[in-house]
Amino acid sequence: MRHRKATVKLNMTSSHRKAMISNMIRSLFETGKIRTTVRRAREAGRAAEKMITLAKKNTLASRRDAKSFIRCDKTVKKLFSEIRERNEKRNGGYTRVLRAGYRVGDGSPQAVLELVEKITKDVKEETKTIKDKIKDFKKKQDETKTTKGKDDKKEAPAAKK
């Protein structure tokens, strides 16, 4: 039985799993989001939360712990500068897992793992553009309805003659 077992094995050895999650977190911190399977995204999200919490402590020991897990100086610097500053007031929930359909090859459920602070900025920008697009679309529909009605009335008498 798997009572009180925190991690998911993901059908691989522990060394392979740790390396994979480390690489996923590195990509997440460099790009802001990654696309993977749902189970992998959940596990990588848990580890990313721990790394951001380490960065919030901002001590030499926490920097060394992060370096031993991520294994990239550039990414650790970004974690301890940009990402830490963005999440300093937040008490957790630094990542978000969004479902993204199913993979074409084998049908496995896909997800996007993103940093929350980045999402809120992008979503605000996207919602403004989406709202504008919806308004423009509705205006075009109203215009086409009114022009179709006028065209039909003009064409109808011509067809009767």
N, C-alpha and C. Protein backbone atom coordinates (compact mmCIF):
# COMPACT_ATOMS: atom_id res chain seq x y z
N MET A 1 0.84 -1.19 0.00
CA MET A 1 0.00 0.00 0.00
C MET A 1 0.87 1.25 0.00
N ARG A 2 0.32 2.32 -0.55
CA ARG A 2 1.10 3.56 -0.71
C ARG A 2 0.71 4.60 0.34
N HIS A 3 0.50 4.18 1.55
CA HIS A 3 0.13 5.14 2.58
C HIS A 3 1.27 6.10 2.86
N ARG A 4 0.97 7.37 2.88
CA ARG A 4 1.89 8.46 3.22
C ARG A 4 3.12 8.52 2.30
N LYS A 5 2.94 8.13 1.07
CA LYS A 5 4.00 8.25 0.08
C LYS A 5 3.75 9.55 -0.69
N ALA A 6 4.67 10.48 -0.61
CA ALA A 6 4.42 11.82 -1.16
C ALA A 6 4.62 11.88 -2.67
N THR A 7 5.64 11.24 -3.20
CA THR A 7 5.94 11.39 -4.61
C THR A 7 5.30 10.30 -5.45
N VAL A 8 5.16 10.60 -6.73
CA VAL A 8 4.66 9.64 -7.70
C VAL A 8 5.86 9.08 -8.44
N LYS A 9 5.88 7.78 -8.69
CA LYS A 9 7.06 7.16 -9.29
C LYS A 9 7.22 7.47 -10.77
N LEU A 10 6.13 7.70 -11.49
CA LEU A 10 6.15 8.04 -12.91
C LEU A 10 6.83 6.97 -13.77
N ASN A 11 6.82 5.74 -13.32
CA ASN A 11 7.37 4.59 -14.06
C ASN A 11 8.83 4.78 -14.47
N MET A 12 9.65 5.29 -13.56
CA MET A 12 11.07 5.44 -13.84
C MET A 12 11.85 5.33 -12.54
N THR A 13 13.14 5.16 -12.65
CA THR A 13 13.97 5.06 -11.46
C THR A 13 14.04 6.41 -10.76
N SER A 14 14.45 6.39 -9.51
CA SER A 14 14.46 7.64 -8.75
C SER A 14 15.47 8.63 -9.31
N SER A 15 16.61 8.16 -9.78
CA SER A 15 17.62 9.08 -10.33
C SER A 15 17.12 9.72 -11.62
N HIS A 16 16.46 8.92 -12.45
CA HIS A 16 15.90 9.45 -13.70
C HIS A 16 14.81 10.47 -13.40
N ARG A 17 13.96 10.15 -12.43
CA ARG A 17 12.85 11.04 -12.05
C ARG A 17 13.39 12.37 -11.52
N LYS A 18 14.40 12.32 -10.64
CA LYS A 18 14.97 13.55 -10.08
C LYS A 18 15.60 14.40 -11.17
N ALA A 19 16.31 13.77 -12.10
CA ALA A 19 16.94 14.51 -13.19
C ALA A 19 15.89 15.14 -14.10
N MET A 20 14.83 14.40 -14.40
CA MET A 20 13.78 14.91 -15.26
C MET A 20 13.08 16.11 -14.62
N ILE A 21 12.75 16.00 -13.35
CA ILE A 21 12.07 17.09 -12.66
C ILE A 21 12.99 18.31 -12.55
N SER A 22 14.27 18.07 -12.31
CA SER A 22 15.23 19.16 -12.25
C SER A 22 15.30 19.90 -13.59
N ASN A 23 15.34 19.16 -14.69
CA ASN A 23 15.38 19.77 -16.02
C ASN A 23 14.08 20.51 -16.33
N MET A 24 12.96 19.96 -15.90
CA MET A 24 11.68 20.62 -16.14
C MET A 24 11.59 21.94 -15.37
N ILE A 25 12.08 21.94 -14.14
CA ILE A 25 12.06 23.16 -13.33
C ILE A 25 12.98 24.21 -13.94
N ARG A 26 14.12 23.76 -14.41
CA ARG A 26 15.05 24.70 -15.07
C ARG A 26 14.38 25.36 -16.27
N SER A 27 13.70 24.57 -17.09
CA SER A 27 13.00 25.13 -18.25
C SER A 27 11.86 26.05 -17.82
N LEU A 28 11.17 25.67 -16.74
CA LEU A 28 10.08 26.49 -16.24
C LEU A 28 10.57 27.86 -15.80
N PHE A 29 11.68 27.90 -15.07
CA PHE A 29 12.20 29.18 -14.59
C PHE A 29 12.80 30.01 -15.72
N GLU A 30 13.31 29.37 -16.75
CA GLU A 30 13.90 30.11 -17.86
C GLU A 30 12.83 30.69 -18.79
N THR A 31 11.78 29.90 -19.08
CA THR A 31 10.79 30.33 -20.06
C THR A 31 9.49 30.84 -19.45
N GLY A 32 9.19 30.42 -18.24
CA GLY A 32 7.94 30.85 -17.60
C GLY A 32 6.83 29.83 -17.69
N LYS A 33 6.90 28.91 -18.66
CA LYS A 33 5.90 27.85 -18.73
C LYS A 33 6.45 26.69 -19.53
N ILE A 34 5.92 25.50 -19.22
CA ILE A 34 6.30 24.28 -19.94
C ILE A 34 5.06 23.47 -20.20
N ARG A 35 5.11 22.63 -21.24
CA ARG A 35 3.99 21.75 -21.57
C ARG A 35 4.45 20.30 -21.39
N THR A 36 3.69 19.53 -20.63
CA THR A 36 4.05 18.15 -20.33
C THR A 36 2.78 17.39 -19.96
N THR A 37 2.92 16.16 -19.47
CA THR A 37 1.74 15.42 -19.04
C THR A 37 1.27 15.97 -17.69
N VAL A 38 0.04 15.66 -17.34
CA VAL A 38 -0.55 16.20 -16.11
C VAL A 38 0.19 15.72 -14.88
N ARG A 39 0.51 14.43 -14.80
CA ARG A 39 1.18 13.90 -13.60
C ARG A 39 2.57 14.49 -13.44
N ARG A 40 3.30 14.63 -14.55
CA ARG A 40 4.63 15.23 -14.48
C ARG A 40 4.53 16.70 -14.09
N ALA A 41 3.54 17.39 -14.60
CA ALA A 41 3.37 18.81 -14.28
C ALA A 41 3.09 19.00 -12.79
N ARG A 42 2.28 18.12 -12.22
CA ARG A 42 1.99 18.22 -10.77
C ARG A 42 3.25 18.01 -9.94
N GLU A 43 4.04 17.01 -10.29
CA GLU A 43 5.26 16.74 -9.54
C GLU A 43 6.28 17.86 -9.72
N ALA A 44 6.43 18.35 -10.94
CA ALA A 44 7.37 19.45 -11.18
C ALA A 44 6.89 20.71 -10.48
N GLY A 45 5.59 20.91 -10.42
CA GLY A 45 5.04 22.08 -9.72
C GLY A 45 5.35 22.04 -8.23
N ARG A 46 5.25 20.85 -7.63
CA ARG A 46 5.58 20.71 -6.21
C ARG A 46 7.03 21.08 -5.95
N ALA A 47 7.93 20.60 -6.82
CA ALA A 47 9.35 20.88 -6.65
C ALA A 47 9.65 22.36 -6.92
N ALA A 48 8.97 22.95 -7.88
CA ALA A 48 9.18 24.37 -8.19
C ALA A 48 8.74 25.25 -7.02
N GLU A 49 7.64 24.86 -6.37
CA GLU A 49 7.19 25.61 -5.19
C GLU A 49 8.27 25.59 -4.10
N LYS A 50 8.90 24.44 -3.92
CA LYS A 50 9.96 24.34 -2.91
C LYS A 50 11.15 25.21 -3.27
N MET A 51 11.50 25.25 -4.56
CA MET A 51 12.64 26.07 -4.98
C MET A 51 12.35 27.57 -4.80
N ILE A 52 11.14 27.99 -5.09
CA ILE A 52 10.78 29.41 -4.91
C ILE A 52 10.77 29.76 -3.43
N THR A 53 10.31 28.83 -2.59
CA THR A 53 10.34 29.06 -1.14
C THR A 53 11.77 29.17 -0.65
N LEU A 54 12.66 28.34 -1.20
CA LEU A 54 14.09 28.46 -0.87
C LEU A 54 14.62 29.83 -1.27
N ALA A 55 14.23 30.28 -2.44
CA ALA A 55 14.71 31.57 -2.94
C ALA A 55 14.22 32.72 -2.06
N LYS A 56 13.03 32.59 -1.50
CA LYS A 56 12.50 33.65 -0.64
C LYS A 56 13.31 33.79 0.64
N LYS A 57 13.96 32.71 1.10
CA LYS A 57 14.82 32.80 2.29
C LYS A 57 16.06 33.64 1.99
N ASN A 58 16.59 33.49 0.78
CA ASN A 58 17.71 34.29 0.29
C ASN A 58 18.95 34.22 1.19
N THR A 59 19.31 33.00 1.56
CA THR A 59 20.54 32.81 2.32
C THR A 59 21.53 32.03 1.46
N LEU A 60 22.76 31.99 1.90
CA LEU A 60 23.78 31.26 1.16
C LEU A 60 23.45 29.76 1.12
N ALA A 61 22.96 29.23 2.22
CA ALA A 61 22.61 27.81 2.28
C ALA A 61 21.47 27.49 1.31
N SER A 62 20.45 28.36 1.25
CA SER A 62 19.34 28.11 0.35
C SER A 62 19.78 28.24 -1.11
N ARG A 63 20.70 29.17 -1.38
CA ARG A 63 21.22 29.31 -2.74
C ARG A 63 21.99 28.05 -3.15
N ARG A 64 22.76 27.48 -2.22
CA ARG A 64 23.50 26.26 -2.52
C ARG A 64 22.57 25.07 -2.71
N ASP A 65 21.51 24.99 -1.91
CA ASP A 65 20.53 23.92 -2.08
C ASP A 65 19.86 24.00 -3.46
N ALA A 66 19.50 25.22 -3.85
CA ALA A 66 18.88 25.40 -5.15
C ALA A 66 19.85 25.05 -6.28
N LYS A 67 21.10 25.43 -6.12
CA LYS A 67 22.12 25.13 -7.12
C LYS A 67 22.35 23.63 -7.24
N SER A 68 22.30 22.91 -6.13
CA SER A 68 22.51 21.47 -6.18
C SER A 68 21.34 20.76 -6.87
N PHE A 69 20.15 21.36 -6.82
CA PHE A 69 18.99 20.73 -7.46
C PHE A 69 18.86 21.14 -8.92
N ILE A 70 19.04 22.44 -9.21
CA ILE A 70 18.82 22.94 -10.56
C ILE A 70 20.05 22.76 -11.45
N ARG A 71 21.26 22.90 -10.89
CA ARG A 71 22.52 22.69 -11.60
C ARG A 71 22.75 23.66 -12.76
N CYS A 72 22.34 24.92 -12.59
CA CYS A 72 22.59 25.92 -13.62
C CYS A 72 22.71 27.28 -12.94
N ASP A 73 23.88 27.90 -13.03
CA ASP A 73 24.12 29.18 -12.35
C ASP A 73 23.19 30.27 -12.85
N LYS A 74 23.00 30.31 -14.16
CA LYS A 74 22.16 31.36 -14.76
C LYS A 74 20.72 31.28 -14.25
N THR A 75 20.19 30.08 -14.18
CA THR A 75 18.82 29.89 -13.73
C THR A 75 18.68 30.18 -12.24
N VAL A 76 19.69 29.81 -11.45
CA VAL A 76 19.65 30.09 -10.01
C VAL A 76 19.69 31.59 -9.77
N LYS A 77 20.49 32.31 -10.53
CA LYS A 77 20.53 33.78 -10.40
C LYS A 77 19.18 34.38 -10.72
N LYS A 78 18.54 33.88 -11.79
CA LYS A 78 17.21 34.38 -12.15
C LYS A 78 16.19 34.06 -11.06
N LEU A 79 16.29 32.86 -10.50
CA LEU A 79 15.38 32.45 -9.43
C LEU A 79 15.52 33.36 -8.22
N PHE A 80 16.76 33.67 -7.83
CA PHE A 80 16.98 34.45 -6.63
C PHE A 80 16.84 35.96 -6.86
N SER A 81 16.70 36.38 -8.09
CA SER A 81 16.51 37.82 -8.33
C SER A 81 15.09 38.09 -8.81
N GLU A 82 14.77 37.74 -10.05
CA GLU A 82 13.48 38.08 -10.64
C GLU A 82 12.31 37.33 -10.00
N ILE A 83 12.42 36.02 -9.96
CA ILE A 83 11.28 35.21 -9.49
C ILE A 83 11.03 35.44 -8.01
N ARG A 84 12.09 35.58 -7.22
CA ARG A 84 11.92 35.84 -5.79
C ARG A 84 11.23 37.18 -5.57
N GLU A 85 11.61 38.21 -6.31
CA GLU A 85 11.01 39.53 -6.14
C GLU A 85 9.53 39.53 -6.51
N ARG A 86 9.18 38.80 -7.57
CA ARG A 86 7.78 38.75 -7.99
C ARG A 86 6.89 38.04 -6.97
N ASN A 87 7.44 37.06 -6.26
CA ASN A 87 6.64 36.24 -5.35
C ASN A 87 6.89 36.53 -3.88
N GLU A 88 7.52 37.65 -3.57
CA GLU A 88 7.89 37.93 -2.18
C GLU A 88 6.66 38.10 -1.28
N LYS A 89 5.60 38.69 -1.79
CA LYS A 89 4.40 38.92 -0.98
C LYS A 89 3.46 37.73 -0.97
N ARG A 90 3.69 36.77 -1.82
CA ARG A 90 2.82 35.61 -1.96
C ARG A 90 3.21 34.54 -0.94
N ASN A 91 2.22 33.87 -0.34
CA ASN A 91 2.49 32.85 0.67
C ASN A 91 2.40 31.43 0.13
N GLY A 92 2.55 31.24 -1.12
CA GLY A 92 2.45 29.93 -1.72
C GLY A 92 1.65 30.01 -3.00
N GLY A 93 1.52 28.90 -3.70
CA GLY A 93 0.76 28.90 -4.94
C GLY A 93 1.48 29.67 -6.03
N TYR A 94 2.75 29.39 -6.21
CA TYR A 94 3.55 30.13 -7.19
C TYR A 94 3.37 29.59 -8.60
N THR A 95 2.87 28.36 -8.72
CA THR A 95 2.70 27.74 -10.03
C THR A 95 1.24 27.37 -10.24
N ARG A 96 0.90 27.15 -11.50
CA ARG A 96 -0.46 26.76 -11.85
C ARG A 96 -0.39 25.69 -12.93
N VAL A 97 -1.23 24.67 -12.82
CA VAL A 97 -1.31 23.62 -13.82
C VAL A 97 -2.63 23.77 -14.56
N LEU A 98 -2.54 24.00 -15.87
CA LEU A 98 -3.72 24.16 -16.71
C LEU A 98 -3.81 22.99 -17.67
N ARG A 99 -4.96 22.37 -17.76
CA ARG A 99 -5.14 21.25 -18.69
C ARG A 99 -5.06 21.76 -20.12
N ALA A 100 -4.43 20.96 -20.99
CA ALA A 100 -4.21 21.41 -22.37
C ALA A 100 -4.56 20.33 -23.38
N GLY A 101 -5.60 19.55 -23.13
CA GLY A 101 -6.04 18.56 -24.10
C GLY A 101 -5.28 17.25 -23.99
N TYR A 102 -5.25 16.54 -25.12
CA TYR A 102 -4.63 15.21 -25.15
C TYR A 102 -3.59 15.16 -26.26
N ARG A 103 -2.52 14.41 -26.01
CA ARG A 103 -1.46 14.28 -27.00
C ARG A 103 -1.95 13.41 -28.15
N VAL A 104 -1.57 13.78 -29.36
CA VAL A 104 -2.05 13.09 -30.55
C VAL A 104 -1.52 11.66 -30.62
N GLY A 105 -0.26 11.45 -30.31
CA GLY A 105 0.35 10.13 -30.47
C GLY A 105 -0.26 9.04 -29.62
N ASP A 106 -0.36 9.27 -28.31
CA ASP A 106 -0.83 8.22 -27.42
C ASP A 106 -2.06 8.60 -26.60
N GLY A 107 -2.55 9.81 -26.75
CA GLY A 107 -3.77 10.21 -26.06
C GLY A 107 -3.58 10.53 -24.60
N SER A 108 -2.35 10.75 -24.15
CA SER A 108 -2.14 11.06 -22.74
C SER A 108 -2.56 12.51 -22.45
N PRO A 109 -3.15 12.75 -21.30
CA PRO A 109 -3.60 14.11 -20.97
C PRO A 109 -2.42 15.06 -20.79
N GLN A 110 -2.47 16.20 -21.45
CA GLN A 110 -1.40 17.19 -21.42
C GLN A 110 -1.78 18.34 -20.49
N ALA A 111 -0.78 19.05 -20.00
CA ALA A 111 -1.00 20.20 -19.14
C ALA A 111 0.10 21.22 -19.38
N VAL A 112 -0.20 22.45 -19.03
CA VAL A 112 0.78 23.53 -19.09
C VAL A 112 1.06 23.95 -17.66
N LEU A 113 2.33 23.90 -17.27
CA LEU A 113 2.75 24.34 -15.95
C LEU A 113 3.33 25.73 -16.10
N GLU A 114 2.75 26.71 -15.41
CA GLU A 114 3.17 28.10 -15.56
C GLU A 114 3.39 28.74 -14.21
N LEU A 115 4.22 29.75 -14.20
CA LEU A 115 4.40 30.58 -13.01
C LEU A 115 3.21 31.52 -12.91
N VAL A 116 2.62 31.64 -11.74
CA VAL A 116 1.38 32.38 -11.58
C VAL A 116 1.54 33.85 -11.86
N GLU A 117 2.62 34.46 -11.40
CA GLU A 117 2.81 35.90 -11.60
C GLU A 117 2.85 36.23 -13.08
N LYS A 118 3.49 35.40 -13.85
CA LYS A 118 3.56 35.61 -15.29
C LYS A 118 2.17 35.46 -15.91
N ILE A 119 1.40 34.51 -15.42
CA ILE A 119 0.07 34.27 -15.96
C ILE A 119 -0.83 35.48 -15.75
N THR A 120 -0.82 36.03 -14.55
CA THR A 120 -1.74 37.12 -14.29
C THR A 120 -1.46 38.31 -15.19
N LYS A 121 -0.19 38.60 -15.47
CA LYS A 121 0.14 39.69 -16.38
C LYS A 121 -0.32 39.37 -17.79
N ASP A 122 -0.05 38.15 -18.26
CA ASP A 122 -0.44 37.77 -19.61
C ASP A 122 -1.95 37.72 -19.76
N VAL A 123 -2.64 37.20 -18.75
CA VAL A 123 -4.09 37.07 -18.83
C VAL A 123 -4.74 38.45 -18.89
N LYS A 124 -4.25 39.40 -18.10
CA LYS A 124 -4.82 40.74 -18.14
C LYS A 124 -4.67 41.34 -19.53
N GLU A 125 -3.50 41.17 -20.14
CA GLU A 125 -3.29 41.70 -21.49
C GLU A 125 -4.17 40.98 -22.50
N GLU A 126 -4.27 39.65 -22.37
CA GLU A 126 -5.07 38.89 -23.32
C GLU A 126 -6.55 39.19 -23.17
N THR A 127 -7.04 39.35 -21.94
CA THR A 127 -8.46 39.61 -21.76
C THR A 127 -8.85 40.95 -22.36
N LYS A 128 -7.95 41.93 -22.29
CA LYS A 128 -8.25 43.22 -22.92
C LYS A 128 -8.39 43.04 -24.42
N THR A 129 -7.49 42.31 -25.01
CA THR A 129 -7.57 42.12 -26.46
C THR A 129 -8.75 41.25 -26.83
N ILE A 130 -9.07 40.26 -26.01
CA ILE A 130 -10.21 39.39 -26.30
C ILE A 130 -11.50 40.19 -26.21
N LYS A 131 -11.63 41.03 -25.19
CA LYS A 131 -12.82 41.86 -25.06
C LYS A 131 -12.97 42.78 -26.26
N ASP A 132 -11.86 43.36 -26.70
CA ASP A 132 -11.91 44.22 -27.88
C ASP A 132 -12.32 43.43 -29.12
N LYS A 133 -11.79 42.21 -29.25
CA LYS A 133 -12.13 41.37 -30.40
C LYS A 133 -13.61 41.00 -30.38
N ILE A 134 -14.14 40.72 -29.20
CA ILE A 134 -15.56 40.36 -29.08
C ILE A 134 -16.43 41.55 -29.48
N LYS A 135 -16.06 42.74 -29.01
CA LYS A 135 -16.82 43.93 -29.38
C LYS A 135 -16.79 44.16 -30.88
N ASP A 136 -15.61 44.03 -31.49
CA ASP A 136 -15.50 44.20 -32.94
C ASP A 136 -16.32 43.16 -33.69
N PHE A 137 -16.29 41.92 -33.20
CA PHE A 137 -17.05 40.85 -33.84
C PHE A 137 -18.55 41.12 -33.77
N LYS A 138 -19.02 41.58 -32.60
CA LYS A 138 -20.45 41.88 -32.45
C LYS A 138 -20.86 43.03 -33.35
N LYS A 139 -20.00 44.04 -33.46
CA LYS A 139 -20.30 45.16 -34.35
C LYS A 139 -20.41 44.69 -35.79
N LYS A 140 -19.50 43.83 -36.21
CA LYS A 140 -19.54 43.31 -37.58
C LYS A 140 -20.80 42.50 -37.82
N GLN A 141 -21.21 41.71 -36.80
CA GLN A 141 -22.44 40.92 -36.94
C GLN A 141 -23.65 41.83 -37.08
N ASP A 142 -23.70 42.87 -36.25
CA ASP A 142 -24.82 43.81 -36.32
C ASP A 142 -24.85 44.51 -37.68
N GLU A 143 -23.69 44.89 -38.18
CA GLU A 143 -23.62 45.55 -39.48
C GLU A 143 -24.06 44.62 -40.60
N THR A 144 -23.65 43.37 -40.55
CA THR A 144 -24.03 42.42 -41.59
C THR A 144 -25.52 42.12 -41.53
N LYS A 145 -26.09 42.07 -40.34
CA LYS A 145 -27.53 41.83 -40.21
C LYS A 145 -28.32 42.98 -40.82
N THR A 146 -27.90 44.20 -40.51
CA THR A 146 -28.62 45.37 -41.04
C THR A 146 -28.43 45.48 -42.54
N THR A 147 -27.26 45.20 -43.05
CA THR A 147 -27.05 45.29 -44.51
C THR A 147 -27.74 44.16 -45.24
N LYS A 148 -27.83 42.98 -44.66
CA LYS A 148 -28.52 41.87 -45.30
C LYS A 148 -30.01 42.16 -45.39
N GLY A 149 -30.55 42.70 -44.32
CA GLY A 149 -31.97 43.04 -44.33
C GLY A 149 -32.29 44.07 -45.39
N LYS A 150 -31.47 45.08 -45.57
CA LYS A 150 -31.67 46.10 -46.58
C LYS A 150 -31.51 45.53 -47.97
N ASP A 151 -30.51 44.69 -48.18
CA ASP A 151 -30.27 44.09 -49.49
C ASP A 151 -31.41 43.18 -49.89
N ASP A 152 -31.96 42.41 -48.95
CA ASP A 152 -33.05 41.50 -49.25
C ASP A 152 -34.28 42.25 -49.70
N LYS A 153 -34.57 43.37 -49.02
CA LYS A 153 -35.75 44.16 -49.37
C LYS A 153 -35.59 44.78 -50.74
N LYS A 154 -34.39 45.21 -51.10
CA LYS A 154 -34.16 45.81 -52.40
C LYS A 154 -34.23 44.77 -53.51
N GLU A 155 -33.72 43.58 -53.26
CA GLU A 155 -33.68 42.53 -54.27
C GLU A 155 -35.05 41.88 -54.46
N ALA A 156 -35.84 41.82 -53.42
CA ALA A 156 -37.13 41.15 -53.51
C ALA A 156 -38.05 41.79 -54.56
N PRO A 157 -38.20 43.10 -54.59
CA PRO A 157 -39.07 43.67 -55.63
C PRO A 157 -38.52 43.42 -57.03
N ALA A 158 -37.23 43.42 -57.21
CA ALA A 158 -36.64 43.19 -58.52
C ALA A 158 -36.92 41.76 -58.97
N ALA A 159 -36.92 40.81 -58.05
CA ALA A 159 -37.17 39.43 -58.41
C ALA A 159 -38.62 39.23 -58.79
N LYS A 160 -39.57 39.99 -58.22
CA LYS A 160 -40.99 39.82 -58.51
C LYS A 160 -41.32 40.32 -59.92
N LYS A 161 -40.61 41.29 -60.44
CA LYS A 161 -40.90 41.84 -61.77
C LYS A 161 -40.52 40.88 -62.81
